[in-house]
Protein backbone atom coordinates (compact mmCIF):
# COMPACT_ATOMS: atom_id res chain seq x y z
CA MET A 1 10.33 -23.37 23.92
CA ASN A 2 12.70 -24.12 21.10
CA ALA A 3 12.86 -22.71 17.60
CA ALA A 4 10.86 -25.58 16.09
CA ASP A 5 7.93 -24.99 18.46
CA LEU A 6 7.97 -21.28 17.77
CA SER A 7 8.18 -21.86 14.03
CA ARG A 8 5.24 -24.30 14.14
CA LEU A 9 3.18 -21.87 16.22
CA ILE A 10 3.84 -18.97 13.84
CA ALA A 11 3.05 -21.13 10.81
CA GLU A 12 -0.24 -22.31 12.35
CA SER A 13 -1.27 -18.77 13.24
CA LEU A 14 -0.46 -17.43 9.75
CA TYR A 15 -2.36 -20.31 8.15
CA LEU A 16 -5.36 -19.58 10.37
CA VAL A 17 -5.29 -15.88 9.50
CA LEU A 18 -5.21 -16.68 5.79
CA TRP A 19 -7.97 -19.29 6.12
CA VAL A 20 -10.26 -17.02 8.16
CA SER A 21 -9.77 -13.93 6.01
CA ALA A 22 -10.16 -15.77 2.69
CA PRO A 23 -13.98 -15.56 2.36
CA ALA A 24 -14.12 -11.77 2.73
CA LEU A 25 -11.07 -11.24 0.50
CA VAL A 26 -12.41 -13.49 -2.25
CA VAL A 27 -15.81 -11.77 -2.20
CA ALA A 28 -14.16 -8.33 -2.33
CA MET A 29 -11.92 -9.40 -5.21
CA VAL A 30 -14.74 -10.95 -7.26
CA THR A 31 -17.02 -7.97 -6.60
CA GLY A 32 -14.32 -5.48 -7.58
CA LEU A 33 -13.49 -7.39 -10.73
CA THR A 34 -17.15 -7.70 -11.73
CA VAL A 35 -17.88 -4.03 -11.16
CA ALA A 36 -14.70 -3.06 -13.02
CA VAL A 37 -15.67 -5.15 -16.04
CA LEU A 38 -19.20 -3.71 -16.02
CA SER A 39 -17.97 -0.14 -15.66
CA ALA A 40 -15.47 -0.66 -18.49
CA ALA A 41 -18.17 -2.15 -20.69
CA THR A 42 -20.54 0.76 -20.03
CA GLN A 43 -17.71 3.32 -20.05
CA VAL A 44 -18.74 4.65 -16.66
CA GLN A 45 -15.51 5.61 -14.91
CA GLU A 46 -16.81 6.54 -11.47
CA GLN A 47 -14.28 5.47 -8.83
CA SER A 48 -16.80 5.36 -6.00
CA LEU A 49 -19.00 2.91 -7.92
CA THR A 50 -17.12 -0.13 -6.60
CA PHE A 51 -17.32 0.96 -2.97
CA VAL A 52 -20.99 0.31 -2.17
CA PRO A 53 -21.24 -3.20 -3.67
CA LYS A 54 -17.97 -4.23 -2.02
CA VAL A 55 -19.03 -2.98 1.40
CA ALA A 56 -22.46 -4.57 1.09
CA LEU A 57 -21.23 -7.96 -0.08
CA VAL A 58 -18.28 -8.15 2.30
CA SER A 59 -20.59 -7.22 5.18
CA LEU A 60 -23.04 -9.92 4.11
CA THR A 61 -20.20 -12.42 3.85
CA LEU A 62 -18.92 -11.54 7.32
CA ALA A 63 -22.44 -11.87 8.70
CA LEU A 64 -22.82 -15.31 7.11
CA VAL A 65 -19.42 -16.77 8.02
CA GLY A 66 -18.75 -14.76 11.17
CA GLY A 67 -19.75 -17.62 13.44
CA TRP A 68 -17.38 -19.99 11.69
CA MET A 69 -14.60 -17.41 11.87
CA ALA A 70 -15.13 -16.90 15.59
CA THR A 71 -15.19 -20.67 16.18
CA GLN A 72 -11.87 -21.10 14.37
CA LEU A 73 -10.21 -18.24 16.26
CA VAL A 74 -11.53 -19.31 19.66
CA GLY A 75 -10.43 -22.90 19.00
CA PHE A 76 -6.92 -21.77 18.15
CA THR A 77 -6.79 -19.50 21.19
CA GLU A 78 -7.93 -22.32 23.49
CA GLN A 79 -5.34 -24.65 21.96
CA LEU A 80 -2.68 -21.99 22.47
CA TRP A 81 -3.60 -21.45 26.12
CA ARG A 82 -3.61 -25.22 26.76
CA SER A 83 -0.16 -25.60 25.20
CA ILE A 84 1.51 -22.83 27.22
CA PRO A 85 2.63 -25.11 30.11
CA GLY A 86 4.25 -27.50 27.64
CA LEU A 87 5.97 -24.68 25.80
CA VAL A 88 7.41 -23.11 28.93
CA GLY A 89 8.54 -26.22 30.75
């Protein structure tokens, strides 16, 4: 295994982590921003107000895209295991 192979492998794994985590992170960000705007507009400054909607919507998002996430991760893992003999030899 040379430095180029290792660099490619690390880049692919980081790209996959970003791609798989994006749906939950985007939902959490949009939910937090929406609740923050609503709480500022109504002048309700309760810090725990953002927690319940974020947890509920992120959980729903993970339930909806969890299969896709697992498929992506399993595919990468299988590809990694298949490439081990070529990387070692």
